């Protein structure tokens, strides 16, 4: 795993670095998830960060929803925020749905709220139906 991390952090071409991120996704160890979280938060390029965010969303375990929600709330890059909303939609769990509902209700950026609503409409969770009822009926 250290080799993958050194490739992802190194001066290799972006394509190779992205492949290292994918390989970290494939490793089912907490250290690999921590590495994905690190690159999602602090990768040295937007493209590498988006790759880590995508694979973190596909993993859908552990701290995924919390980390992605944090990126939506605090990252200055709209590309990163949009990637995190999409990655949350891939989680298919209550934590992901809760994070998307929070974004739809409270995020100051209309485009992110619309995106969260779009992805929530794809969810098969009874809480999401209640959420849309609340929004549509103004309760």
C-alpha atoms as a PDB file:
ATOM      1  CA  UNK A   1       0.000   0.000   0.000  1.00  0.00           C
ATOM      2  CA  UNK A   2       2.906   2.354   0.636  1.00  0.00           C
ATOM      3  CA  UNK A   3       3.939   1.973  -2.991  1.00  0.00           C
ATOM      4  CA  UNK A   4       0.456   3.058  -4.145  1.00  0.00           C
ATOM      5  CA  UNK A   5       0.520   6.048  -1.833  1.00  0.00           C
ATOM      6  CA  UNK A   6       3.955   7.106  -3.076  1.00  0.00           C
ATOM      7  CA  UNK A   7       2.776   6.848  -6.712  1.00  0.00           C
ATOM      8  CA  UNK A   8      -0.360   8.884  -5.929  1.00  0.00           C
ATOM      9  CA  UNK A   9       1.739  11.547  -4.213  1.00  0.00           C
ATOM     10  CA  UNK A  10       4.669  11.431  -6.601  1.00  0.00           C
ATOM     11  CA  UNK A  11       5.620  13.282  -9.721  1.00  0.00           C
ATOM     12  CA  UNK A  12       4.240  10.570 -12.018  1.00  0.00           C
ATOM     13  CA  UNK A  13       1.848  11.483 -14.797  1.00  0.00           C
ATOM     14  CA  UNK A  14      -1.750  12.035 -13.715  1.00  0.00           C
ATOM     15  CA  UNK A  15      -3.036   8.868 -15.403  1.00  0.00           C
ATOM     16  CA  UNK A  16      -0.713   6.694 -13.297  1.00  0.00           C
ATOM     17  CA  UNK A  17      -1.600   8.612 -10.148  1.00  0.00           C
ATOM     18  CA  UNK A  18      -5.319   8.069 -10.851  1.00  0.00           C
ATOM     19  CA  UNK A  19      -4.658   4.348 -11.273  1.00  0.00           C
ATOM     20  CA  UNK A  20      -2.979   4.319  -7.864  1.00  0.00           C
ATOM     21  CA  UNK A  21      -6.117   5.932  -6.379  1.00  0.00           C
ATOM     22  CA  UNK A  22      -8.269   3.249  -8.024  1.00  0.00           C
ATOM     23  CA  UNK A  23      -6.009   0.554  -6.610  1.00  0.00           C
ATOM     24  CA  UNK A  24      -6.437   2.025  -3.128  1.00  0.00           C
ATOM     25  CA  UNK A  25     -10.205   1.772  -3.629  1.00  0.00           C
ATOM     26  CA  UNK A  26      -9.838  -1.940  -4.406  1.00  0.00           C
ATOM     27  CA  UNK A  27      -7.956  -2.643  -1.165  1.00  0.00           C
ATOM     28  CA  UNK A  28     -10.447  -3.444   1.582  1.00  0.00           C
ATOM     29  CA  UNK A  29      -8.447  -2.127   4.537  1.00  0.00           C
ATOM     30  CA  UNK A  30      -9.077   0.866   6.805  1.00  0.00           C
ATOM     31  CA  UNK A  31      -5.687   2.311   5.803  1.00  0.00           C
ATOM     32  CA  UNK A  32      -6.791   2.373   2.158  1.00  0.00           C
ATOM     33  CA  UNK A  33      -9.997   4.202   3.090  1.00  0.00           C
ATOM     34  CA  UNK A  34      -7.934   6.688   5.113  1.00  0.00           C
ATOM     35  CA  UNK A  35      -5.690   7.235   2.082  1.00  0.00           C
ATOM     36  CA  UNK A  36      -8.721   7.886  -0.159  1.00  0.00           C
ATOM     37  CA  UNK A  37     -10.031  10.374   2.401  1.00  0.00           C
ATOM     38  CA  UNK A  38      -6.647  12.090   2.505  1.00  0.00           C
ATOM     39  CA  UNK A  39      -6.473  12.459  -1.301  1.00  0.00           C
ATOM     40  CA  UNK A  40     -10.104  13.621  -1.459  1.00  0.00           C
ATOM     41  CA  UNK A  41      -9.325  16.382   1.024  1.00  0.00           C
ATOM     42  CA  UNK A  42      -5.757  17.305   0.190  1.00  0.00           C
ATOM     43  CA  UNK A  43      -4.772  15.923  -3.190  1.00  0.00           C
ATOM     44  CA  UNK A  44      -2.511  18.281  -5.096  1.00  0.00           C
ATOM     45  CA  UNK A  45      -4.786  18.572  -8.140  1.00  0.00           C
ATOM     46  CA  UNK A  46      -8.528  18.896  -8.632  1.00  0.00           C
ATOM     47  CA  UNK A  47      -8.502  15.910 -11.014  1.00  0.00           C
ATOM     48  CA  UNK A  48      -6.792  13.662  -8.474  1.00  0.00           C
ATOM     49  CA  UNK A  49      -9.126  14.831  -5.705  1.00  0.00           C
ATOM     50  CA  UNK A  50     -12.186  14.183  -7.885  1.00  0.00           C
ATOM     51  CA  UNK A  51     -10.886  10.673  -8.587  1.00  0.00           C
ATOM     52  CA  UNK A  52     -10.473   9.991  -4.863  1.00  0.00           C
ATOM     53  CA  UNK A  53     -13.939  11.423  -4.159  1.00  0.00           C
ATOM     54  CA  UNK A  54     -15.519   9.230  -6.830  1.00  0.00           C
ATOM     55  CA  UNK A  55     -13.951   6.037  -5.487  1.00  0.00           C
ATOM     56  CA  UNK A  56     -14.706   7.017  -1.912  1.00  0.00           C
ATOM     57  CA  UNK A  57     -18.380   7.288  -2.896  1.00  0.00           C
ATOM     58  CA  UNK A  58     -18.261   3.874  -4.544  1.00  0.00           C
ATOM     59  CA  UNK A  59     -16.817   2.386  -1.386  1.00  0.00           C
ATOM     60  CA  UNK A  60     -19.839   3.545   0.652  1.00  0.00           C
ATOM     61  CA  UNK A  61     -18.479   2.494   4.030  1.00  0.00           C
ATOM     62  CA  UNK A  62     -17.061   4.042   7.129  1.00  0.00           C
ATOM     63  CA  UNK A  63     -16.707   7.787   7.215  1.00  0.00           C
ATOM     64  CA  UNK A  64     -17.652   8.281   3.554  1.00  0.00           C
ATOM     65  CA  UNK A  65     -20.848  10.324   4.044  1.00  0.00           C
ATOM     66  CA  UNK A  66     -19.294  12.482   6.744  1.00  0.00           C
ATOM     67  CA  UNK A  67     -16.200  13.288   4.673  1.00  0.00           C
ATOM     68  CA  UNK A  68     -18.148  13.985   1.482  1.00  0.00           C
ATOM     69  CA  UNK A  69     -20.638  16.180   3.339  1.00  0.00           C
ATOM     70  CA  UNK A  70     -17.711  18.103   4.824  1.00  0.00           C
ATOM     71  CA  UNK A  71     -16.265  18.669   1.340  1.00  0.00           C
ATOM     72  CA  UNK A  72     -19.611  20.019   0.101  1.00  0.00           C
ATOM     73  CA  UNK A  73     -19.820  22.386   3.078  1.00  0.00           C
ATOM     74  CA  UNK A  74     -16.243  23.636   3.261  1.00  0.00           C
ATOM     75  CA  UNK A  75     -14.279  23.157   0.057  1.00  0.00           C
ATOM     76  CA  UNK A  76     -13.855  26.345  -1.979  1.00  0.00           C
ATOM     77  CA  UNK A  77     -13.885  24.489  -5.316  1.00  0.00           C
ATOM     78  CA  UNK A  78     -17.296  24.087  -6.941  1.00  0.00           C
ATOM     79  CA  UNK A  79     -15.901  21.135  -8.925  1.00  0.00           C
ATOM     80  CA  UNK A  80     -15.028  19.350  -5.696  1.00  0.00           C
ATOM     81  CA  UNK A  81     -18.399  20.203  -4.152  1.00  0.00           C
ATOM     82  CA  UNK A  82     -20.274  18.849  -7.193  1.00  0.00           C
ATOM     83  CA  UNK A  83     -18.159  15.694  -7.212  1.00  0.00           C
ATOM     84  CA  UNK A  84     -18.888  15.151  -3.534  1.00  0.00           C
ATOM     85  CA  UNK A  85     -22.658  15.510  -4.068  1.00  0.00           C
ATOM     86  CA  UNK A  86     -22.523  12.946  -6.865  1.00  0.00           C
ATOM     87  CA  UNK A  87     -20.378  10.590  -4.760  1.00  0.00           C
ATOM     88  CA  UNK A  88     -22.912  10.846  -1.938  1.00  0.00           C
ATOM     89  CA  UNK A  89     -25.605   9.736  -4.366  1.00  0.00           C
ATOM     90  CA  UNK A  90     -23.677   6.532  -4.939  1.00  0.00           C
ATOM     91  CA  UNK A  91     -23.719   5.614  -1.243  1.00  0.00           C
ATOM     92  CA  UNK A  92     -27.229   4.126  -1.217  1.00  0.00           C
ATOM     93  CA  UNK A  93     -27.498   4.249   2.552  1.00  0.00           C
ATOM     94  CA  UNK A  94     -29.220   6.269   5.224  1.00  0.00           C
ATOM     95  CA  UNK A  95     -26.120   8.355   5.975  1.00  0.00           C
ATOM     96  CA  UNK A  96     -25.808   9.319   2.312  1.00  0.00           C
ATOM     97  CA  UNK A  97     -29.494  10.184   2.049  1.00  0.00           C
ATOM     98  CA  UNK A  98     -29.318  12.209   5.266  1.00  0.00           C
ATOM     99  CA  UNK A  99     -26.322  14.130   3.931  1.00  0.00           C
ATOM    100  CA  UNK A 100     -28.085  14.832   0.633  1.00  0.00           C
ATOM    101  CA  UNK A 101     -31.223  16.003   2.468  1.00  0.00           C
ATOM    102  CA  UNK A 102     -29.099  18.347   4.586  1.00  0.00           C
ATOM    103  CA  UNK A 103     -27.496  19.784   1.445  1.00  0.00           C
ATOM    104  CA  UNK A 104     -30.903  20.193  -0.218  1.00  0.00           C
ATOM    105  CA  UNK A 105     -32.255  22.033   2.830  1.00  0.00           C
ATOM    106  CA  UNK A 106     -29.357  24.212   3.928  1.00  0.00           C
ATOM    107  CA  UNK A 107     -26.587  24.614   1.381  1.00  0.00           C
ATOM    108  CA  UNK A 108     -26.239  28.245   0.260  1.00  0.00           C
ATOM    109  CA  UNK A 109     -25.553  27.275  -3.374  1.00  0.00           C
ATOM    110  CA  UNK A 110     -28.759  26.714  -5.406  1.00  0.00           C
ATOM    111  CA  UNK A 111     -26.986  24.467  -7.922  1.00  0.00           C
ATOM    112  CA  UNK A 112     -25.805  22.114  -5.168  1.00  0.00           C
ATOM    113  CA  UNK A 113     -29.291  22.059  -3.625  1.00  0.00           C
ATOM    114  CA  UNK A 114     -30.799  21.177  -7.038  1.00  0.00           C
ATOM    115  CA  UNK A 115     -28.221  18.455  -7.565  1.00  0.00           C
ATOM    116  CA  UNK A 116     -28.921  16.981  -4.131  1.00  0.00           C
ATOM    117  CA  UNK A 117     -32.659  17.013  -4.872  1.00  0.00           C
ATOM    118  CA  UNK A 118     -32.072  15.293  -8.205  1.00  0.00           C
ATOM    119  CA  UNK A 119     -30.042  12.512  -6.605  1.00  0.00           C
ATOM    120  CA  UNK A 120     -32.502  12.154  -3.740  1.00  0.00           C
ATOM    121  CA  UNK A 121     -35.243  11.544  -6.302  1.00  0.00           C
ATOM    122  CA  UNK A 122     -33.281   8.467  -7.361  1.00  0.00           C
ATOM    123  CA  UNK A 123     -33.243   7.036  -3.803  1.00  0.00           C
ATOM    124  CA  UNK A 124     -35.477   4.218  -2.675  1.00  0.00           C
ATOM    125  CA  UNK A 125     -35.651   5.297   0.958  1.00  0.00           C
ATOM    126  CA  UNK A 126     -38.946   6.037   2.782  1.00  0.00           C
ATOM    127  CA  UNK A 127     -37.301   8.972   4.584  1.00  0.00           C
ATOM    128  CA  UNK A 128     -36.658  10.596   1.205  1.00  0.00           C
ATOM    129  CA  UNK A 129     -40.344  10.358   0.334  1.00  0.00           C
ATOM    130  CA  UNK A 130     -41.160  12.068   3.637  1.00  0.00           C
ATOM    131  CA  UNK A 131     -38.557  14.726   2.816  1.00  0.00           C
ATOM    132  CA  UNK A 132     -40.141  15.488  -0.568  1.00  0.00           C
ATOM    133  CA  UNK A 133     -43.583  15.560   0.995  1.00  0.00           C
ATOM    134  CA  UNK A 134     -42.343  18.063   3.554  1.00  0.00           C
ATOM    135  CA  UNK A 135     -40.748  20.248   0.876  1.00  0.00           C
ATOM    136  CA  UNK A 136     -43.707  20.117  -1.507  1.00  0.00           C
ATOM    137  CA  UNK A 137     -46.376  20.636   1.129  1.00  0.00           C
ATOM    138  CA  UNK A 138     -44.379  23.267   3.019  1.00  0.00           C
ATOM    139  CA  UNK A 139     -44.643  21.517   6.369  1.00  0.00           C
END
